[in-house]
Amino acid sequence: MGERGDAMSEWIRFSTEVVRPSRRDVGGAVTAAPQDSQPTLHLCGIHHSTSPVAIRERYALAPDQVGAWMRRLREETGAQVLIVSTCNRMEIYAWGSGALGNELRAAMRRIGLAAGCAEAPELIERSGEEALRHLFRVVAGLDSMILGENQIKQQVREATEMSRAAGCLGSELNQAVEAAFRCGKRIRTETELNVGTLDVGKAAILKAEERLGGLTGRACMVIGAGKIGRTAARAIAERRPDRLWIVNRSLEHARAIAEELGGEAYGLEALGCLLPEAEFILGAAHTPELLFDAEDYEVAAPTGSRPERVCLVDVAVPRMLDPRLGELAGVELYGLEDMEEITAVNRRQREAAAEAAGVIVEEELRQWRRERAGGALGPAIEELKARLETIFAEEEAALAEALGEAPADRLTPALRKLRGRTLHAAIESLKRAAGGDC
């Protein structure tokens, strides 16, 4: 057996080649592959904990802009790309290798400059398992301004579908996203993190109730018929307002909500007629510029003609209501940054659930590593099996020739047992060695 080398030495050498991928230099010599050449998940972006609304609104992308930037990054870098743009975050996830992190950083800078933002924001940058952990926490609602909120899951799902439609979602990035959804589902099933939680629209309503002493019997306006607007309108309807107006660029979408809730639907052109009566106005639409400024409001609803107390809450990013509106007599204006007190109470109520959810995130990360290791090692394991089969067949033939037919027959079962044990040890060693790589 010495001339052929024993099976154990063979699988040790083979496993070393698999676990430490190599490349050939110009002269044909094998050298270690750079660690950063291995494709992995990268993240670059901003969110509510590092960037104020004044910065986030400059980086907020409309749906058509999201698709355009994903395609552009796909073409420029060759990476698989997913962009999540919400009122509280704008994050680019990409699957690729090399200096992809630098390219995402440059892309964020270009997005800001295109929106006229000269100030460089504090970027969140992650790669490998840290990027994946962040994605898991985002989908679960653990990284949201309102801990445990449920809207982010759907927002990431929609971003994923946009990436797929744009031809930017490869299999590896899709697997990472699906693993995040699986993690989020476990958290919703096994913890109380997402049960009865607030969302941005409901938090805005709580703020309005606090300032106006309730919404029952009042004239309320929701500008925007998206998810935030829809959930907020339902919550307002439960409080039995005197009038509920749904105002939206698409009158059809406004009507769908108004008919469900017994409200009234209007297009944006009706704002001038409605403003003099509105006591609570919630801004929840994506608009490239302010919907109306302080001067417009004064013309439509001059002092003396509007209610004595008016509460405006702007949860849109970019902001849709002029910050100067809060300087007018009897008008109070609040934005996302003013939800802190409400969200702090929600966070304290969910701390225990958040801790349990964090444990699930780590468990799902370990499961991801196991799945990735198993998938990557599949071809290597098959090749290892074939090599061991060849080695043991040669040794069995050599024994039969050296010892004779009868002794070889008696040794065959022992050789097969040894082969099985050696193969099992080799495969387990490969999985352990590769299991730590995300």
Protein backbone atom coordinates (compact mmCIF):
# COMPACT_ATOMS: atom_id res chain seq x y z
CA MET A 1 0.00 0.00 0.00
CA GLY A 2 2.97 2.32 0.51
CA GLU A 3 3.62 2.94 -3.20
CA ARG A 4 0.06 4.11 -3.87
CA GLY A 5 -0.30 6.14 -0.65
CA ASP A 6 -2.98 5.33 1.90
CA ALA A 7 -6.54 6.60 1.62
CA MET A 8 -6.27 8.82 4.68
CA SER A 9 -3.40 10.82 3.18
CA GLU A 10 -5.36 11.15 -0.04
CA TRP A 11 -8.48 12.62 1.54
CA ILE A 12 -6.44 14.96 3.74
CA ARG A 13 -4.75 16.37 0.64
CA PHE A 14 -8.03 16.54 -1.24
CA SER A 15 -9.92 18.24 1.60
CA THR A 16 -7.18 20.86 1.83
CA GLU A 17 -7.68 21.69 -1.84
CA VAL A 18 -11.45 22.00 -1.41
CA VAL A 19 -11.52 24.03 1.78
CA ARG A 20 -8.77 26.37 0.62
CA PRO A 21 -9.61 27.15 -3.02
CA SER A 22 -6.59 27.82 -5.17
CA ARG A 23 -5.69 29.52 -8.42
CA ARG A 24 -2.82 29.08 -10.84
CA ASP A 25 -0.43 31.92 -11.49
CA VAL A 26 1.12 32.69 -14.86
CA GLY A 27 3.76 30.00 -14.43
CA GLY A 28 1.20 27.34 -13.57
CA ALA A 29 2.08 27.12 -9.87
CA VAL A 30 -0.80 26.78 -7.41
CA THR A 31 -1.15 29.68 -4.96
CA ALA A 32 -3.72 30.49 -2.28
CA ALA A 33 -6.74 32.40 -3.54
CA PRO A 34 -7.30 35.80 -1.94
CA GLN A 35 -9.98 35.61 0.75
CA ASP A 36 -11.91 38.57 -0.66
CA SER A 37 -12.25 36.81 -4.03
CA GLN A 38 -14.94 34.52 -2.65
CA PRO A 39 -18.46 35.79 -3.50
CA THR A 40 -20.47 36.85 -0.46
CA LEU A 41 -23.17 39.29 0.64
CA HIS A 42 -22.31 42.99 0.90
CA LEU A 43 -24.36 45.85 2.38
CA CYS A 44 -24.01 49.61 2.14
CA GLY A 45 -26.66 52.12 3.17
CA ILE A 46 -28.21 54.49 5.68
CA HIS A 47 -31.06 54.16 8.13
CA HIS A 48 -32.88 55.92 10.94
CA SER A 49 -30.33 55.20 13.67
CA THR A 50 -27.46 56.94 11.84
CA SER A 51 -29.08 59.49 9.53
CA PRO A 52 -31.73 62.15 10.26
CA VAL A 53 -34.75 62.66 8.02
CA ALA A 54 -33.01 65.58 6.29
CA ILE A 55 -30.41 63.13 4.98
CA ARG A 56 -32.72 60.14 4.42
CA GLU A 57 -35.11 62.11 2.27
CA ARG A 58 -32.27 62.98 -0.12
CA TYR A 59 -31.45 59.30 -0.57
CA ALA A 60 -35.05 58.07 -0.81
CA LEU A 61 -35.72 56.49 -4.20
CA ALA A 62 -39.03 56.22 -6.05
CA PRO A 63 -39.85 52.71 -7.37
CA ASP A 64 -38.71 53.53 -10.91
CA GLN A 65 -35.44 54.91 -9.53
CA VAL A 66 -34.89 51.73 -7.49
CA GLY A 67 -35.19 49.61 -10.62
CA ALA A 68 -32.88 51.89 -12.60
CA TRP A 69 -30.15 51.88 -9.94
CA MET A 70 -30.31 48.11 -9.53
CA ARG A 71 -29.85 47.61 -13.26
CA ARG A 72 -27.03 50.15 -13.34
CA LEU A 73 -25.15 48.47 -10.49
CA ARG A 74 -25.72 45.06 -12.05
CA GLU A 75 -24.18 46.27 -15.31
CA GLU A 76 -21.28 48.09 -13.65
CA THR A 77 -20.27 45.44 -11.11
CA GLY A 78 -21.70 42.16 -12.39
CA ALA A 79 -23.10 41.61 -8.88
CA GLN A 80 -26.58 40.50 -7.90
CA VAL A 81 -28.34 43.59 -6.49
CA LEU A 82 -31.26 44.38 -4.18
CA ILE A 83 -32.17 47.91 -3.03
CA VAL A 84 -34.52 48.48 -0.09
CA SER A 85 -35.77 52.08 0.05
CA THR A 86 -38.31 52.98 2.76
CA CYS A 87 -39.06 55.97 4.98
CA ASN A 88 -36.45 54.77 7.48
CA ARG A 89 -33.70 53.26 5.33
CA MET A 90 -32.03 53.12 1.94
CA GLU A 91 -29.82 50.06 1.76
CA ILE A 92 -28.07 48.32 -1.11
CA TYR A 93 -27.50 44.58 -0.79
CA ALA A 94 -25.27 42.90 -3.35
CA TRP A 95 -23.82 39.44 -3.84
CA GLY A 96 -20.37 39.43 -5.38
CA SER A 97 -16.65 39.34 -4.72
CA GLY A 98 -13.58 41.54 -4.83
CA ALA A 99 -13.90 45.24 -4.06
CA LEU A 100 -17.70 45.26 -4.23
CA GLY A 101 -17.93 47.16 -0.95
CA ASN A 102 -16.00 50.07 -2.47
CA GLU A 103 -18.30 50.12 -5.48
CA LEU A 104 -21.43 50.19 -3.31
CA ARG A 105 -19.95 53.05 -1.30
CA ALA A 106 -19.33 54.97 -4.51
CA ALA A 107 -22.89 54.24 -5.67
CA MET A 108 -24.32 55.66 -2.45
CA ARG A 109 -22.27 58.78 -2.99
CA ARG A 110 -23.59 59.14 -6.55
CA ILE A 111 -27.19 58.71 -5.38
CA GLY A 112 -26.72 61.48 -2.83
CA LEU A 113 -25.06 63.84 -5.30
CA ALA A 114 -27.82 63.22 -7.85
CA ALA A 115 -30.32 64.40 -5.21
CA GLY A 116 -28.23 67.48 -4.41
CA CYS A 117 -26.90 66.16 -1.09
CA ALA A 118 -23.32 67.38 -0.70
CA GLU A 119 -23.05 66.08 2.87
CA ALA A 120 -21.60 62.57 3.10
CA PRO A 121 -23.83 60.49 5.41
CA GLU A 122 -22.67 57.96 7.97
CA LEU A 123 -22.85 54.74 6.00
CA ILE A 124 -23.64 51.30 7.35
CA GLU A 125 -21.24 48.86 5.70
CA ARG A 126 -21.25 45.11 6.23
CA SER A 127 -20.02 42.05 4.39
CA GLY A 128 -20.31 38.30 4.74
CA GLU A 129 -22.14 37.03 7.79
CA GLU A 130 -22.46 40.53 9.29
CA ALA A 131 -24.38 41.68 6.21
CA LEU A 132 -26.58 38.60 6.37
CA ARG A 133 -27.24 39.12 10.09
CA HIS A 134 -28.32 42.69 9.34
CA LEU A 135 -30.70 41.50 6.61
CA PHE A 136 -32.22 38.91 8.96
CA ARG A 137 -32.80 41.58 11.62
CA VAL A 138 -34.29 44.00 9.09
CA VAL A 139 -36.86 41.51 7.80
CA ALA A 140 -37.81 40.51 11.37
CA GLY A 141 -38.42 44.13 12.40
CA LEU A 142 -35.54 44.09 14.87
CA ASP A 143 -33.78 46.95 13.10
CA SER A 144 -36.85 49.15 12.64
CA MET A 145 -37.50 52.48 14.32
CA ILE A 146 -40.64 50.85 15.71
CA LEU A 147 -39.41 47.54 17.07
CA GLY A 148 -41.23 44.57 15.58
CA GLU A 149 -43.20 46.51 12.96
CA ASN A 150 -44.57 44.31 10.21
CA GLN A 151 -44.48 46.54 7.13
CA ILE A 152 -40.77 46.09 6.50
CA LYS A 153 -41.25 42.41 5.62
CA GLN A 154 -43.57 43.32 2.76
CA GLN A 155 -41.32 46.17 1.69
CA VAL A 156 -38.35 43.81 1.38
CA ARG A 157 -40.55 41.31 -0.48
CA GLU A 158 -41.57 43.99 -2.97
CA ALA A 159 -37.95 45.09 -3.40
CA THR A 160 -37.03 41.45 -4.10
CA GLU A 161 -39.69 41.18 -6.79
CA MET A 162 -38.44 44.42 -8.36
CA SER A 163 -34.90 43.02 -8.38
CA ARG A 164 -36.12 39.83 -10.02
CA ALA A 165 -38.08 41.76 -12.65
CA ALA A 166 -35.01 43.90 -13.37
CA GLY A 167 -32.86 40.80 -13.90
CA CYS A 168 -30.69 41.62 -10.88
CA LEU A 169 -31.65 38.81 -8.48
CA GLY A 170 -29.35 35.81 -8.85
CA SER A 171 -29.76 32.51 -7.05
CA GLU A 172 -27.32 33.30 -4.21
CA LEU A 173 -28.90 36.64 -3.31
CA ASN A 174 -32.36 35.10 -3.59
CA GLN A 175 -31.32 32.32 -1.19
CA ALA A 176 -30.07 34.90 1.30
CA VAL A 177 -33.36 36.82 1.14
CA GLU A 178 -35.44 33.66 1.46
CA ALA A 179 -33.35 32.64 4.49
CA ALA A 180 -34.17 36.05 6.00
CA PHE A 181 -37.89 35.50 5.40
CA ARG A 182 -37.63 32.05 6.97
CA CYS A 183 -35.98 33.61 10.01
CA GLY A 184 -38.67 36.29 10.19
CA LYS A 185 -41.41 33.69 10.01
CA ARG A 186 -39.89 31.79 12.93
CA ILE A 187 -39.71 34.98 14.96
CA ARG A 188 -43.35 35.82 14.26
CA THR A 189 -44.38 32.27 15.16
CA GLU A 190 -42.20 31.67 18.21
CA THR A 191 -42.07 35.11 19.86
CA GLU A 192 -44.41 38.02 20.64
CA LEU A 193 -42.22 40.54 18.81
CA ASN A 194 -44.66 41.26 15.97
CA VAL A 195 -47.95 40.79 17.84
CA GLY A 196 -50.02 43.98 18.10
CA THR A 197 -47.06 46.14 17.22
CA LEU A 198 -47.28 49.70 15.96
CA ASP A 199 -46.37 50.93 12.52
CA VAL A 200 -45.44 54.43 11.43
CA GLY A 201 -49.02 55.34 10.48
CA LYS A 202 -50.46 54.19 13.81
CA ALA A 203 -47.72 55.97 15.70
CA ALA A 204 -48.69 59.16 13.84
CA ILE A 205 -52.31 58.69 14.88
CA LEU A 206 -51.30 58.28 18.52
CA LYS A 207 -49.38 61.54 18.26
CA ALA A 208 -52.43 63.29 16.77
CA GLU A 209 -54.70 61.91 19.48
CA GLU A 210 -52.27 63.11 22.12
CA ARG A 211 -52.25 66.64 20.68
CA LEU A 212 -55.95 66.95 19.74
CA GLY A 213 -57.46 64.97 22.59
CA GLY A 214 -58.75 62.24 20.28
CA LEU A 215 -59.97 61.97 16.69
CA THR A 216 -63.62 61.09 17.32
CA GLY A 217 -65.90 63.62 15.62
CA ARG A 218 -63.03 65.39 13.85
CA ALA A 219 -62.29 66.01 10.18
CA CYS A 220 -59.31 63.85 9.23
CA MET A 221 -57.33 63.73 5.99
CA VAL A 222 -54.90 61.04 4.81
CA ILE A 223 -52.71 62.02 1.87
CA GLY A 224 -51.47 58.87 0.18
CA ALA A 225 -53.08 55.52 -0.62
CA GLY A 226 -50.06 53.27 -0.13
CA LYS A 227 -49.55 50.81 2.70
CA ILE A 228 -48.93 53.43 5.38
CA GLY A 229 -51.88 55.51 4.23
CA ARG A 230 -54.17 52.48 4.05
CA THR A 231 -53.35 51.16 7.53
CA ALA A 232 -53.53 54.66 9.01
CA ALA A 233 -56.93 55.29 7.40
CA ARG A 234 -58.28 52.07 8.91
CA ALA A 235 -57.03 53.07 12.34
CA ILE A 236 -58.62 56.52 11.99
CA ALA A 237 -61.93 54.99 10.88
CA GLU A 238 -61.98 52.87 14.05
CA ARG A 239 -61.92 56.12 16.04
CA ARG A 240 -65.14 57.33 14.37
CA PRO A 241 -64.13 60.67 12.88
CA ASP A 242 -66.78 63.04 11.61
CA ARG A 243 -65.21 62.96 8.15
CA LEU A 244 -62.40 60.89 6.64
CA TRP A 245 -60.85 62.11 3.41
CA ILE A 246 -58.47 59.96 1.37
CA VAL A 247 -56.48 62.18 -0.99
CA ASN A 248 -54.22 60.64 -3.58
CA ARG A 249 -52.67 61.27 -6.99
CA SER A 250 -54.57 58.22 -8.28
CA LEU A 251 -58.24 58.78 -7.53
CA GLU A 252 -58.97 55.10 -8.20
CA HIS A 253 -56.67 53.99 -5.38
CA ALA A 254 -58.17 56.59 -3.03
CA ARG A 255 -61.67 55.34 -3.83
CA ALA A 256 -60.76 51.74 -3.02
CA ILE A 257 -59.81 52.75 0.53
CA ALA A 258 -62.63 55.26 0.99
CA GLU A 259 -65.30 52.77 -0.07
CA GLU A 260 -63.97 50.17 2.35
CA LEU A 261 -63.98 52.60 5.28
CA GLY A 262 -66.96 54.80 4.53
CA GLY A 263 -64.78 57.81 3.72
CA GLU A 264 -64.53 60.20 0.79
CA ALA A 265 -61.97 60.04 -2.02
CA TYR A 266 -60.35 63.01 -3.73
CA GLY A 267 -57.51 63.77 -6.10
CA LEU A 268 -54.69 66.15 -5.20
CA GLU A 269 -56.46 69.01 -6.98
CA ALA A 270 -59.10 69.05 -4.20
CA LEU A 271 -56.61 69.94 -1.46
CA GLY A 272 -57.40 73.66 -1.62
CA CYS A 273 -61.06 72.99 -0.84
CA LEU A 274 -60.41 70.50 1.97
CA LEU A 275 -57.63 72.23 3.91
CA PRO A 276 -59.86 74.86 5.60
CA GLU A 277 -61.82 72.11 7.40
CA ALA A 278 -59.11 69.54 8.15
CA GLU A 279 -58.16 69.14 11.83
CA PHE A 280 -55.77 66.25 11.35
CA ILE A 281 -53.67 65.76 8.21
CA LEU A 282 -51.41 62.75 7.75
CA GLY A 283 -48.87 63.00 4.92
CA ALA A 284 -47.90 59.52 3.73
CA ALA A 285 -47.18 59.76 0.00
CA HIS A 286 -43.95 59.73 -1.98
CA THR A 287 -43.62 63.08 -3.74
CA PRO A 288 -40.46 64.52 -5.31
CA GLU A 289 -41.24 67.96 -3.84
CA LEU A 290 -43.38 69.58 -1.15
CA LEU A 291 -47.08 69.03 -1.74
CA PHE A 292 -47.95 72.46 -0.39
CA ASP A 293 -45.95 75.06 1.50
CA ALA A 294 -46.88 77.48 4.28
CA GLU A 295 -47.97 80.19 1.83
CA ASP A 296 -50.24 77.77 -0.05
CA TYR A 297 -51.85 76.70 3.22
CA GLU A 298 -52.39 80.30 4.36
CA VAL A 299 -54.12 81.09 1.07
CA ALA A 300 -56.34 77.99 1.21
CA ALA A 301 -57.01 78.14 4.97
CA PRO A 302 -56.33 81.63 6.32
CA THR A 303 -56.31 82.30 10.04
CA GLY A 304 -59.89 82.49 11.27
CA SER A 305 -61.26 80.16 8.61
CA ARG A 306 -59.39 77.02 9.65
CA PRO A 307 -59.98 75.07 12.90
CA GLU A 308 -58.46 76.56 16.04
CA ARG A 309 -56.14 73.56 16.41
CA VAL A 310 -54.71 71.66 13.48
CA CYS A 311 -52.31 68.72 13.77
CA LEU A 312 -50.15 67.75 10.81
CA VAL A 313 -47.99 64.61 10.86
CA ASP A 314 -45.60 64.06 7.97
CA VAL A 315 -44.25 60.49 7.78
CA ALA A 316 -43.22 60.70 4.13
CA VAL A 317 -39.59 60.46 3.03
CA PRO A 318 -38.80 62.78 1.38
CA ARG A 319 -41.00 65.12 3.42
CA MET A 320 -44.12 66.31 1.67
CA LEU A 321 -45.18 69.10 4.06
CA ASP A 322 -43.34 72.39 4.45
CA PRO A 323 -41.51 72.52 7.82
CA ARG A 324 -42.63 76.16 8.15
CA LEU A 325 -46.24 75.04 8.54
CA GLY A 326 -45.51 74.45 12.22
CA GLU A 327 -44.86 78.18 12.65
CA LEU A 328 -48.43 79.16 11.74
CA ALA A 329 -50.93 80.05 14.43
CA GLY A 330 -52.81 77.04 15.76
CA VAL A 331 -50.89 74.59 13.55
CA GLU A 332 -48.68 71.84 14.99
CA LEU A 333 -46.42 69.91 12.64
CA TYR A 334 -44.69 66.63 13.51
CA GLY A 335 -42.40 64.34 11.58
CA LEU A 336 -40.80 60.92 11.94
CA GLU A 337 -38.25 62.24 14.40
CA ASP A 338 -41.11 63.25 16.74
CA MET A 339 -42.29 59.65 17.09
CA GLU A 340 -39.41 58.85 19.48
CA GLU A 341 -41.42 58.94 22.70
CA ILE A 342 -44.08 56.62 21.29
CA THR A 343 -41.56 54.23 19.77
CA ALA A 344 -39.53 54.17 23.02
CA VAL A 345 -42.58 52.88 24.92
CA ASN A 346 -43.17 50.26 22.25
CA ARG A 347 -39.50 49.22 22.44
CA ARG A 348 -39.57 48.77 26.21
CA GLN A 349 -42.67 46.59 25.92
CA ARG A 350 -40.91 44.30 23.45
CA GLU A 351 -37.44 43.97 24.91
CA ALA A 352 -37.93 40.38 26.11
CA ALA A 353 -39.37 39.33 22.75
CA ALA A 354 -36.50 41.07 20.96
CA GLU A 355 -33.98 39.11 23.00
CA ALA A 356 -35.67 35.82 22.07
CA ALA A 357 -35.81 36.94 18.44
CA GLY A 358 -32.08 37.65 18.50
CA VAL A 359 -31.42 34.06 19.56
CA ILE A 360 -33.46 32.83 16.58
CA VAL A 361 -31.43 35.06 14.24
CA GLU A 362 -28.22 33.38 15.40
CA GLU A 363 -29.76 29.92 15.04
CA GLU A 364 -30.84 30.70 11.49
CA LEU A 365 -27.39 32.03 10.65
CA ARG A 366 -25.89 28.71 11.75
CA GLN A 367 -28.45 26.88 9.63
CA TRP A 368 -27.47 29.06 6.67
CA ARG A 369 -23.81 28.15 7.14
CA ARG A 370 -24.65 24.45 7.23
CA GLU A 371 -26.74 24.69 4.08
CA ARG A 372 -24.11 26.69 2.23
CA ALA A 373 -21.36 24.31 3.28
CA GLY A 374 -23.37 21.27 2.21
CA GLY A 375 -24.27 22.77 -1.16
CA ALA A 376 -20.75 23.94 -1.94
CA LEU A 377 -19.19 20.61 -0.97
CA GLY A 378 -21.57 18.43 -2.98
CA PRO A 379 -19.31 18.10 -6.07
CA ALA A 380 -16.20 17.76 -3.88
CA ILE A 381 -17.77 14.95 -1.86
CA GLU A 382 -18.73 13.08 -5.01
CA GLU A 383 -15.18 13.39 -6.31
CA LEU A 384 -13.80 12.24 -2.97
CA LYS A 385 -16.04 9.17 -3.07
CA ALA A 386 -14.80 8.31 -6.55
CA ARG A 387 -11.15 8.69 -5.50
CA LEU A 388 -11.57 6.46 -2.46
CA GLU A 389 -13.39 3.85 -4.52
CA THR A 390 -10.42 3.77 -6.90
CA ILE A 391 -7.85 3.60 -4.09
CA PHE A 392 -9.58 0.75 -2.25
CA ALA A 393 -10.24 -1.19 -5.46
CA GLU A 394 -6.54 -1.03 -6.26
CA GLU A 395 -5.57 -2.14 -2.73
CA GLU A 396 -8.11 -4.98 -2.79
CA ALA A 397 -6.72 -6.22 -6.12
CA ALA A 398 -3.19 -6.02 -4.75
CA LEU A 399 -4.15 -8.07 -1.67
CA ALA A 400 -5.88 -10.69 -3.79
CA GLU A 401 -2.77 -11.05 -5.92
CA ALA A 402 -0.40 -11.18 -2.94
CA LEU A 403 -2.41 -13.37 -0.55
CA GLY A 404 -4.43 -15.57 -2.85
CA GLU A 405 -8.14 -15.91 -3.48
CA ALA A 406 -9.27 -17.26 -0.09
CA PRO A 407 -7.46 -14.74 2.16
CA ALA A 408 -8.62 -11.87 -0.05
CA ASP A 409 -12.25 -13.02 0.26
CA ARG A 410 -11.94 -12.95 4.03
CA LEU A 411 -10.40 -9.45 3.98
CA THR A 412 -12.96 -7.89 1.61
CA PRO A 413 -15.63 -7.17 4.32
CA ALA A 414 -13.00 -5.56 6.53
CA LEU A 415 -11.76 -3.42 3.64
CA ARG A 416 -15.29 -2.27 2.85
CA LYS A 417 -15.88 -1.36 6.47
CA LEU A 418 -12.64 0.61 6.56
CA ARG A 419 -13.59 2.34 3.33
CA GLY A 420 -16.94 3.42 4.75
CA ARG A 421 -15.42 4.73 7.96
CA THR A 422 -12.68 6.61 6.11
CA LEU A 423 -15.18 8.19 3.72
CA HIS A 424 -17.46 9.26 6.59
CA ALA A 425 -14.53 10.81 8.48
CA ALA A 426 -13.40 12.66 5.35
CA ILE A 427 -16.86 14.10 4.61
CA GLU A 428 -17.44 15.22 8.19
CA SER A 429 -14.01 16.86 8.27
CA LEU A 430 -14.78 18.74 5.05
CA LYS A 431 -18.13 19.97 6.38
CA ARG A 432 -16.61 21.15 9.66
CA ALA A 433 -13.82 22.97 7.86
CA ALA A 434 -16.14 24.71 5.40
CA GLY A 435 -19.00 25.32 7.85
CA GLY A 436 -17.56 28.56 9.23
CA ASP A 437 -17.62 30.33 5.87
CA CYS A 438 -20.70 32.38 5.04
